[in-house]
Amino acid sequence: MSNLLLTGLMIDSVLIIVAVLMQPSKQDDAMSALSGGSPDLFQQQKARGFEAFMQRVTVVLGVIFFVLALALAYLSSH
Protein backbone atom coordinates (compact mmCIF):
# COMPACT_ATOMS: atom_id res chain seq x y z
CA MET A 1 0.00 0.00 0.00
CA SER A 2 2.82 2.34 0.88
CA ASN A 3 4.56 1.70 -2.43
CA LEU A 4 1.35 2.44 -4.34
CA LEU A 5 0.86 5.75 -2.51
CA LEU A 6 4.51 6.69 -3.01
CA THR A 7 4.26 5.98 -6.74
CA GLY A 8 1.10 8.08 -6.93
CA LEU A 9 2.83 10.90 -5.07
CA MET A 10 5.80 10.85 -7.47
CA ILE A 11 3.52 10.87 -10.53
CA ASP A 12 1.47 13.70 -9.04
CA SER A 13 4.66 15.67 -8.33
CA VAL A 14 5.73 15.47 -11.96
CA LEU A 15 2.24 16.45 -13.12
CA ILE A 16 2.24 19.50 -10.81
CA ILE A 17 5.56 20.62 -12.28
CA VAL A 18 4.22 20.24 -15.82
CA ALA A 19 0.96 22.06 -14.96
CA VAL A 20 2.81 24.99 -13.39
CA LEU A 21 5.17 25.30 -16.34
CA MET A 22 2.25 25.26 -18.80
CA GLN A 23 0.47 28.18 -17.15
CA PRO A 24 0.67 31.39 -19.16
CA SER A 25 2.90 34.14 -17.86
CA LYS A 26 1.27 37.10 -16.13
CA GLN A 27 4.35 39.34 -16.39
CA ASP A 28 4.57 41.90 -19.16
CA ASP A 29 8.34 42.01 -19.27
CA ALA A 30 11.40 41.31 -17.13
CA MET A 31 11.44 44.82 -15.66
CA SER A 32 7.99 44.44 -14.10
CA ALA A 33 9.17 41.24 -12.42
CA LEU A 34 12.06 43.12 -10.84
CA SER A 35 10.15 46.25 -9.89
CA GLY A 36 7.45 44.38 -7.99
CA GLY A 37 4.26 44.91 -9.96
CA SER A 38 2.35 46.67 -12.61
CA PRO A 39 0.36 49.90 -12.45
CA ASP A 40 -2.95 48.09 -12.97
CA LEU A 41 -2.55 45.94 -9.85
CA PHE A 42 -6.17 46.22 -8.75
CA GLN A 43 -7.65 45.76 -12.21
CA GLN A 44 -7.53 41.97 -12.08
CA GLN A 45 -9.60 40.15 -14.65
CA LYS A 46 -11.09 36.74 -14.13
CA ALA A 47 -9.14 33.94 -15.77
CA ARG A 48 -10.84 32.43 -18.81
CA GLY A 49 -10.26 29.59 -21.19
CA PHE A 50 -6.94 27.79 -21.01
CA GLU A 51 -5.68 29.88 -18.08
CA ALA A 52 -8.71 29.02 -15.93
CA PHE A 53 -8.41 25.35 -16.86
CA MET A 54 -4.74 25.24 -15.90
CA GLN A 55 -5.46 26.96 -12.58
CA ARG A 56 -8.09 24.35 -11.75
CA VAL A 57 -5.80 21.49 -12.78
CA THR A 58 -3.02 22.87 -10.57
CA VAL A 59 -5.35 23.19 -7.57
CA VAL A 60 -6.69 19.66 -8.00
CA LEU A 61 -3.18 18.23 -8.34
CA GLY A 62 -2.10 20.16 -5.25
CA VAL A 63 -4.99 18.74 -3.21
CA ILE A 64 -4.17 15.22 -4.42
CA PHE A 65 -0.52 15.77 -3.46
CA PHE A 66 -1.51 16.93 0.03
CA VAL A 67 -3.85 13.97 0.59
CA LEU A 68 -1.27 11.44 -0.62
CA ALA A 69 1.43 13.00 1.57
CA LEU A 70 -0.84 12.84 4.64
CA ALA A 71 -1.77 9.23 3.87
CA LEU A 72 1.91 8.27 3.56
CA ALA A 73 2.72 10.02 6.83
CA TYR A 74 -0.14 8.19 8.56
CA LEU A 75 0.97 4.83 7.18
CA SER A 76 4.57 5.36 8.17
CA SER A 77 3.62 6.22 11.76
CA HIS A 78 1.40 3.16 12.26
PDB file of N, CA and C in Angstrom:
ATOM      1  N   MET A   1       0.820  -1.197   0.000  1.00  0.00           N
ATOM      2  CA  MET A   1       0.000   0.000   0.000  1.00  0.00           C
ATOM      3  C   MET A   1       0.863   1.259   0.000  1.00  0.00           C
ATOM      4  N   SER A   2       1.920   1.195   0.793  1.00  0.00           N
ATOM      5  CA  SER A   2       2.822   2.342   0.882  1.00  0.00           C
ATOM      6  C   SER A   2       3.505   2.615  -0.454  1.00  0.00           C
ATOM      7  N   ASN A   3       3.899   1.529  -1.126  1.00  0.00           N
ATOM      8  CA  ASN A   3       4.557   1.702  -2.435  1.00  0.00           C
ATOM      9  C   ASN A   3       3.608   2.296  -3.471  1.00  0.00           C
ATOM     10  N   LEU A   4       2.347   1.905  -3.408  1.00  0.00           N
ATOM     11  CA  LEU A   4       1.349   2.439  -4.336  1.00  0.00           C
ATOM     12  C   LEU A   4       1.137   3.933  -4.100  1.00  0.00           C
ATOM     13  N   LEU A   5       1.029   4.327  -2.830  1.00  0.00           N
ATOM     14  CA  LEU A   5       0.858   5.745  -2.511  1.00  0.00           C
ATOM     15  C   LEU A   5       2.097   6.557  -2.884  1.00  0.00           C
ATOM     16  N   LEU A   6       3.273   5.986  -2.652  1.00  0.00           N
ATOM     17  CA  LEU A   6       4.509   6.691  -3.008  1.00  0.00           C
ATOM     18  C   LEU A   6       4.631   6.873  -4.519  1.00  0.00           C
ATOM     19  N   THR A   7       4.243   5.855  -5.272  1.00  0.00           N
ATOM     20  CA  THR A   7       4.262   5.975  -6.736  1.00  0.00           C
ATOM     21  C   THR A   7       3.271   7.041  -7.202  1.00  0.00           C
ATOM     22  N   GLY A   8       2.086   7.049  -6.600  1.00  0.00           N
ATOM     23  CA  GLY A   8       1.096   8.076  -6.934  1.00  0.00           C
ATOM     24  C   GLY A   8       1.591   9.465  -6.599  1.00  0.00           C
ATOM     25  N   LEU A   9       2.288   9.603  -5.468  1.00  0.00           N
ATOM     26  CA  LEU A   9       2.832  10.901  -5.068  1.00  0.00           C
ATOM     27  C   LEU A   9       3.907  11.375  -6.052  1.00  0.00           C
ATOM     28  N   MET A  10       4.741  10.473  -6.508  1.00  0.00           N
ATOM     29  CA  MET A  10       5.795  10.850  -7.475  1.00  0.00           C
ATOM     30  C   MET A  10       5.186  11.260  -8.815  1.00  0.00           C
ATOM     31  N   ILE A  11       4.176  10.523  -9.272  1.00  0.00           N
ATOM     32  CA  ILE A  11       3.517  10.874 -10.534  1.00  0.00           C
ATOM     33  C   ILE A  11       2.810  12.224 -10.405  1.00  0.00           C
ATOM     34  N   ASP A  12       2.148  12.428  -9.271  1.00  0.00           N
ATOM     35  CA  ASP A  12       1.466  13.699  -9.037  1.00  0.00           C
ATOM     36  C   ASP A  12       2.460  14.854  -8.975  1.00  0.00           C
ATOM     37  N   SER A  13       3.622  14.628  -8.396  1.00  0.00           N
ATOM     38  CA  SER A  13       4.657  15.669  -8.328  1.00  0.00           C
ATOM     39  C   SER A  13       5.099  16.106  -9.717  1.00  0.00           C
ATOM     40  N   VAL A  14       5.316  15.142 -10.593  1.00  0.00           N
ATOM     41  CA  VAL A  14       5.727  15.469 -11.962  1.00  0.00           C
ATOM     42  C   VAL A  14       4.610  16.210 -12.688  1.00  0.00           C
ATOM     43  N   LEU A  15       3.364  15.785 -12.472  1.00  0.00           N
ATOM     44  CA  LEU A  15       2.236  16.455 -13.124  1.00  0.00           C
ATOM     45  C   LEU A  15       2.053  17.882 -12.622  1.00  0.00           C
ATOM     46  N   ILE A  16       2.314  18.124 -11.336  1.00  0.00           N
ATOM     47  CA  ILE A  16       2.239  19.497 -10.808  1.00  0.00           C
ATOM     48  C   ILE A  16       3.288  20.373 -11.473  1.00  0.00           C
ATOM     49  N   ILE A  17       4.493  19.851 -11.624  1.00  0.00           N
ATOM     50  CA  ILE A  17       5.562  20.622 -12.280  1.00  0.00           C
ATOM     51  C   ILE A  17       5.163  20.973 -13.707  1.00  0.00           C
ATOM     52  N   VAL A  18       4.635  19.997 -14.431  1.00  0.00           N
ATOM     53  CA  VAL A  18       4.221  20.240 -15.818  1.00  0.00           C
ATOM     54  C   VAL A  18       3.084  21.261 -15.871  1.00  0.00           C
ATOM     55  N   ALA A  19       2.106  21.135 -14.965  1.00  0.00           N
ATOM     56  CA  ALA A  19       0.965  22.058 -14.962  1.00  0.00           C
ATOM     57  C   ALA A  19       1.399  23.485 -14.653  1.00  0.00           C
ATOM     58  N   VAL A  20       2.331  23.647 -13.726  1.00  0.00           N
ATOM     59  CA  VAL A  20       2.807  24.993 -13.390  1.00  0.00           C
ATOM     60  C   VAL A  20       3.587  25.587 -14.556  1.00  0.00           C
ATOM     61  N   LEU A  21       4.396  24.784 -15.209  1.00  0.00           N
ATOM     62  CA  LEU A  21       5.168  25.296 -16.344  1.00  0.00           C
ATOM     63  C   LEU A  21       4.290  25.632 -17.546  1.00  0.00           C
ATOM     64  N   MET A  22       3.136  24.989 -17.664  1.00  0.00           N
ATOM     65  CA  MET A  22       2.252  25.263 -18.801  1.00  0.00           C
ATOM     66  C   MET A  22       1.379  26.492 -18.594  1.00  0.00           C
ATOM     67  N   GLN A  23       1.316  27.014 -17.383  1.00  0.00           N
ATOM     68  CA  GLN A  23       0.474  28.184 -17.145  1.00  0.00           C
ATOM     69  C   GLN A  23       1.046  29.398 -17.856  1.00  0.00           C
ATOM     70  N   PRO A  24       0.181  30.202 -18.459  1.00  0.00           N
ATOM     71  CA  PRO A  24       0.667  31.389 -19.165  1.00  0.00           C
ATOM     72  C   PRO A  24       1.246  32.411 -18.194  1.00  0.00           C
ATOM     73  N   SER A  25       2.225  33.136 -18.673  1.00  0.00           N
ATOM     74  CA  SER A  25       2.899  34.138 -17.855  1.00  0.00           C
ATOM     75  C   SER A  25       2.002  35.340 -17.632  1.00  0.00           C
ATOM     76  N   LYS A  26       2.053  35.902 -16.431  1.00  0.00           N
ATOM     77  CA  LYS A  26       1.270  37.096 -16.131  1.00  0.00           C
ATOM     78  C   LYS A  26       2.138  38.349 -16.140  1.00  0.00           C
ATOM     79  N   GLN A  27       3.425  38.212 -16.375  1.00  0.00           N
ATOM     80  CA  GLN A  27       4.347  39.344 -16.389  1.00  0.00           C
ATOM     81  C   GLN A  27       4.412  39.926 -17.795  1.00  0.00           C
ATOM     82  N   ASP A  28       4.454  41.252 -17.863  1.00  0.00           N
ATOM     83  CA  ASP A  28       4.569  41.901 -19.162  1.00  0.00           C
ATOM     84  C   ASP A  28       5.990  41.813 -19.704  1.00  0.00           C
ATOM     85  N   ASP A  29       6.951  42.083 -18.855  1.00  0.00           N
ATOM     86  CA  ASP A  29       8.344  42.006 -19.266  1.00  0.00           C
ATOM     87  C   ASP A  29       9.202  41.732 -18.033  1.00  0.00           C
ATOM     88  N   ALA A  30      10.503  41.626 -18.237  1.00  0.00           N
ATOM     89  CA  ALA A  30      11.401  41.312 -17.134  1.00  0.00           C
ATOM     90  C   ALA A  30      11.491  42.454 -16.130  1.00  0.00           C
ATOM     91  N   MET A  31      11.319  43.686 -16.571  1.00  0.00           N
ATOM     92  CA  MET A  31      11.438  44.824 -15.661  1.00  0.00           C
ATOM     93  C   MET A  31      10.301  44.847 -14.643  1.00  0.00           C
ATOM     94  N   SER A  32       9.098  44.449 -15.052  1.00  0.00           N
ATOM     95  CA  SER A  32       7.991  44.437 -14.103  1.00  0.00           C
ATOM     96  C   SER A  32       8.170  43.342 -13.060  1.00  0.00           C
ATOM     97  N   ALA A  33       8.885  42.290 -13.402  1.00  0.00           N
ATOM     98  CA  ALA A  33       9.166  41.244 -12.420  1.00  0.00           C
ATOM     99  C   ALA A  33      10.143  41.745 -11.368  1.00  0.00           C
ATOM    100  N   LEU A  34      11.068  42.600 -11.779  1.00  0.00           N
ATOM    101  CA  LEU A  34      12.064  43.118 -10.837  1.00  0.00           C
ATOM    102  C   LEU A  34      11.532  44.282 -10.016  1.00  0.00           C
ATOM    103  N   SER A  35      10.633  45.060 -10.589  1.00  0.00           N
ATOM    104  CA  SER A  35      10.150  46.249  -9.888  1.00  0.00           C
ATOM    105  C   SER A  35       9.031  45.934  -8.904  1.00  0.00           C
ATOM    106  N   GLY A  36       8.426  44.780  -8.991  1.00  0.00           N
ATOM    107  CA  GLY A  36       7.454  44.382  -7.992  1.00  0.00           C
ATOM    108  C   GLY A  36       6.000  44.485  -8.392  1.00  0.00           C
ATOM    109  N   GLY A  37       5.672  44.886  -9.569  1.00  0.00           N
ATOM    110  CA  GLY A  37       4.264  44.910  -9.958  1.00  0.00           C
ATOM    111  C   GLY A  37       3.998  45.812 -11.126  1.00  0.00           C
ATOM    112  N   SER A  38       2.756  45.844 -11.487  1.00  0.00           N
ATOM    113  CA  SER A  38       2.351  46.671 -12.614  1.00  0.00           C
ATOM    114  C   SER A  38       1.410  47.764 -12.118  1.00  0.00           C
ATOM    115  N   PRO A  39       1.222  48.816 -12.893  1.00  0.00           N
ATOM    116  CA  PRO A  39       0.359  49.903 -12.453  1.00  0.00           C
ATOM    117  C   PRO A  39      -1.111  49.505 -12.324  1.00  0.00           C
ATOM    118  N   ASP A  40      -1.547  48.508 -13.046  1.00  0.00           N
ATOM    119  CA  ASP A  40      -2.946  48.092 -12.966  1.00  0.00           C
ATOM    120  C   ASP A  40      -3.095  46.900 -12.015  1.00  0.00           C
ATOM    121  N   LEU A  41      -2.552  47.036 -10.821  1.00  0.00           N
ATOM    122  CA  LEU A  41      -2.549  45.942  -9.853  1.00  0.00           C
ATOM    123  C   LEU A  41      -3.951  45.555  -9.424  1.00  0.00           C
ATOM    124  N   PHE A  42      -4.831  46.506  -9.246  1.00  0.00           N
ATOM    125  CA  PHE A  42      -6.166  46.225  -8.751  1.00  0.00           C
ATOM    126  C   PHE A  42      -7.186  46.054  -9.864  1.00  0.00           C
ATOM    127  N   GLN A  43      -6.757  45.969 -11.085  1.00  0.00           N
ATOM    128  CA  GLN A  43      -7.652  45.758 -12.210  1.00  0.00           C
ATOM    129  C   GLN A  43      -7.541  44.310 -12.689  1.00  0.00           C
ATOM    130  N   GLN A  44      -7.639  43.386 -11.755  1.00  0.00           N
ATOM    131  CA  GLN A  44      -7.528  41.968 -12.082  1.00  0.00           C
ATOM    132  C   GLN A  44      -8.757  41.523 -12.874  1.00  0.00           C
ATOM    133  N   GLN A  45      -8.508  40.724 -13.892  1.00  0.00           N
ATOM    134  CA  GLN A  45      -9.604  40.151 -14.647  1.00  0.00           C
ATOM    135  C   GLN A  45      -9.693  38.666 -14.302  1.00  0.00           C
ATOM    136  N   LYS A  46     -10.881  38.146 -14.423  1.00  0.00           N
ATOM    137  CA  LYS A  46     -11.094  36.740 -14.134  1.00  0.00           C
ATOM    138  C   LYS A  46     -10.454  35.893 -15.233  1.00  0.00           C
ATOM    139  N   ALA A  47      -9.800  34.827 -14.801  1.00  0.00           N
ATOM    140  CA  ALA A  47      -9.138  33.944 -15.769  1.00  0.00           C
ATOM    141  C   ALA A  47     -10.190  33.225 -16.607  1.00  0.00           C
ATOM    142  N   ARG A  48      -9.913  33.096 -17.895  1.00  0.00           N
ATOM    143  CA  ARG A  48     -10.837  32.435 -18.809  1.00  0.00           C
ATOM    144  C   ARG A  48     -10.084  31.479 -19.709  1.00  0.00           C
ATOM    145  N   GLY A  49     -10.801  30.517 -20.216  1.00  0.00           N
ATOM    146  CA  GLY A  49     -10.260  29.593 -21.190  1.00  0.00           C
ATOM    147  C   GLY A  49      -9.161  28.721 -20.630  1.00  0.00           C
ATOM    148  N   PHE A  50      -8.066  28.663 -21.357  1.00  0.00           N
ATOM    149  CA  PHE A  50      -6.943  27.787 -21.007  1.00  0.00           C
ATOM    150  C   PHE A  50      -6.347  28.147 -19.653  1.00  0.00           C
ATOM    151  N   GLU A  51      -6.260  29.437 -19.347  1.00  0.00           N
ATOM    152  CA  GLU A  51      -5.684  29.876 -18.078  1.00  0.00           C
ATOM    153  C   GLU A  51      -6.521  29.391 -16.893  1.00  0.00           C
ATOM    154  N   ALA A  52      -7.827  29.488 -16.997  1.00  0.00           N
ATOM    155  CA  ALA A  52      -8.715  29.018 -15.929  1.00  0.00           C
ATOM    156  C   ALA A  52      -8.615  27.501 -15.777  1.00  0.00           C
ATOM    157  N   PHE A  53      -8.547  26.806 -16.899  1.00  0.00           N
ATOM    158  CA  PHE A  53      -8.413  25.351 -16.858  1.00  0.00           C
ATOM    159  C   PHE A  53      -7.122  24.933 -16.166  1.00  0.00           C
ATOM    160  N   MET A  54      -6.023  25.589 -16.510  1.00  0.00           N
ATOM    161  CA  MET A  54      -4.738  25.239 -15.901  1.00  0.00           C
ATOM    162  C   MET A  54      -4.711  25.571 -14.411  1.00  0.00           C
ATOM    163  N   GLN A  55      -5.380  26.642 -14.005  1.00  0.00           N
ATOM    164  CA  GLN A  55      -5.456  26.959 -12.581  1.00  0.00           C
ATOM    165  C   GLN A  55      -6.215  25.880 -11.826  1.00  0.00           C
ATOM    166  N   ARG A  56      -7.310  25.406 -12.396  1.00  0.00           N
ATOM    167  CA  ARG A  56      -8.092  24.346 -11.752  1.00  0.00           C
ATOM    168  C   ARG A  56      -7.301  23.050 -11.678  1.00  0.00           C
ATOM    169  N   VAL A  57      -6.611  22.711 -12.759  1.00  0.00           N
ATOM    170  CA  VAL A  57      -5.798  21.492 -12.775  1.00  0.00           C
ATOM    171  C   VAL A  57      -4.720  21.560 -11.704  1.00  0.00           C
ATOM    172  N   THR A  58      -4.075  22.707 -11.567  1.00  0.00           N
ATOM    173  CA  THR A  58      -3.022  22.871 -10.570  1.00  0.00           C
ATOM    174  C   THR A  58      -3.575  22.731  -9.154  1.00  0.00           C
ATOM    175  N   VAL A  59      -4.737  23.298  -8.904  1.00  0.00           N
ATOM    176  CA  VAL A  59      -5.348  23.194  -7.568  1.00  0.00           C
ATOM    177  C   VAL A  59      -5.710  21.740  -7.262  1.00  0.00           C
ATOM    178  N   VAL A  60      -6.312  21.054  -8.218  1.00  0.00           N
ATOM    179  CA  VAL A  60      -6.694  19.656  -8.005  1.00  0.00           C
ATOM    180  C   VAL A  60      -5.458  18.799  -7.753  1.00  0.00           C
ATOM    181  N   LEU A  61      -4.413  18.994  -8.541  1.00  0.00           N
ATOM    182  CA  LEU A  61      -3.182  18.228  -8.340  1.00  0.00           C
ATOM    183  C   LEU A  61      -2.540  18.541  -6.996  1.00  0.00           C
ATOM    184  N   GLY A  62      -2.632  19.788  -6.559  1.00  0.00           N
ATOM    185  CA  GLY A  62      -2.097  20.158  -5.250  1.00  0.00           C
ATOM    186  C   GLY A  62      -2.858  19.490  -4.113  1.00  0.00           C
ATOM    187  N   VAL A  63      -4.182  19.409  -4.234  1.00  0.00           N
ATOM    188  CA  VAL A  63      -4.990  18.738  -3.214  1.00  0.00           C
ATOM    189  C   VAL A  63      -4.665  17.242  -3.184  1.00  0.00           C
ATOM    190  N   ILE A  64      -4.536  16.635  -4.350  1.00  0.00           N
ATOM    191  CA  ILE A  64      -4.166  15.216  -4.417  1.00  0.00           C
ATOM    192  C   ILE A  64      -2.803  14.990  -3.778  1.00  0.00           C
ATOM    193  N   PHE A  65      -1.853  15.882  -4.052  1.00  0.00           N
ATOM    194  CA  PHE A  65      -0.520  15.772  -3.460  1.00  0.00           C
ATOM    195  C   PHE A  65      -0.599  15.826  -1.938  1.00  0.00           C
ATOM    196  N   PHE A  66      -1.376  16.765  -1.418  1.00  0.00           N
ATOM    197  CA  PHE A  66      -1.508  16.934   0.026  1.00  0.00           C
ATOM    198  C   PHE A  66      -2.135  15.698   0.665  1.00  0.00           C
ATOM    199  N   VAL A  67      -3.182  15.146   0.053  1.00  0.00           N
ATOM    200  CA  VAL A  67      -3.852  13.966   0.588  1.00  0.00           C
ATOM    201  C   VAL A  67      -2.918  12.755   0.564  1.00  0.00           C
ATOM    202  N   LEU A  68      -2.204  12.569  -0.535  1.00  0.00           N
ATOM    203  CA  LEU A  68      -1.268  11.443  -0.619  1.00  0.00           C
ATOM    204  C   LEU A  68      -0.138  11.574   0.396  1.00  0.00           C
ATOM    205  N   ALA A  69       0.359  12.792   0.594  1.00  0.00           N
ATOM    206  CA  ALA A  69       1.427  13.000   1.572  1.00  0.00           C
ATOM    207  C   ALA A  69       0.943  12.708   2.984  1.00  0.00           C
ATOM    208  N   LEU A  70      -0.280  13.133   3.310  1.00  0.00           N
ATOM    209  CA  LEU A  70      -0.843  12.837   4.637  1.00  0.00           C
ATOM    210  C   LEU A  70      -1.075  11.337   4.820  1.00  0.00           C
ATOM    211  N   ALA A  71      -1.545  10.668   3.778  1.00  0.00           N
ATOM    212  CA  ALA A  71      -1.768   9.229   3.865  1.00  0.00           C
ATOM    213  C   ALA A  71      -0.443   8.486   4.064  1.00  0.00           C
ATOM    214  N   LEU A  72       0.593   8.902   3.374  1.00  0.00           N
ATOM    215  CA  LEU A  72       1.909   8.273   3.564  1.00  0.00           C
ATOM    216  C   LEU A  72       2.452   8.528   4.958  1.00  0.00           C
ATOM    217  N   ALA A  73       2.264   9.722   5.478  1.00  0.00           N
ATOM    218  CA  ALA A  73       2.716  10.019   6.832  1.00  0.00           C
ATOM    219  C   ALA A  73       1.960   9.180   7.853  1.00  0.00           C
ATOM    220  N   TYR A  74       0.662   9.016   7.646  1.00  0.00           N
ATOM    221  CA  TYR A  74      -0.138   8.193   8.557  1.00  0.00           C
ATOM    222  C   TYR A  74       0.322   6.741   8.512  1.00  0.00           C
ATOM    223  N   LEU A  75       0.538   6.211   7.295  1.00  0.00           N
ATOM    224  CA  LEU A  75       0.965   4.825   7.177  1.00  0.00           C
ATOM    225  C   LEU A  75       2.359   4.587   7.759  1.00  0.00           C
ATOM    226  N   SER A  76       3.227   5.554   7.643  1.00  0.00           N
ATOM    227  CA  SER A  76       4.571   5.362   8.170  1.00  0.00           C
ATOM    228  C   SER A  76       4.619   5.444   9.692  1.00  0.00           C
ATOM    229  N   SER A  77       3.626   6.113  10.295  1.00  0.00           N
ATOM    230  CA  SER A  77       3.618   6.218  11.755  1.00  0.00           C
ATOM    231  C   SER A  77       2.901   5.048  12.427  1.00  0.00           C
ATOM    232  N   HIS A  78       2.132   4.279  11.658  1.00  0.00           N
ATOM    233  CA  HIS A  78       1.399   3.156  12.257  1.00  0.00           C
ATOM    234  C   HIS A  78       1.891   1.837  11.747  1.00  0.00           C
TER     235      HIS A  78
END
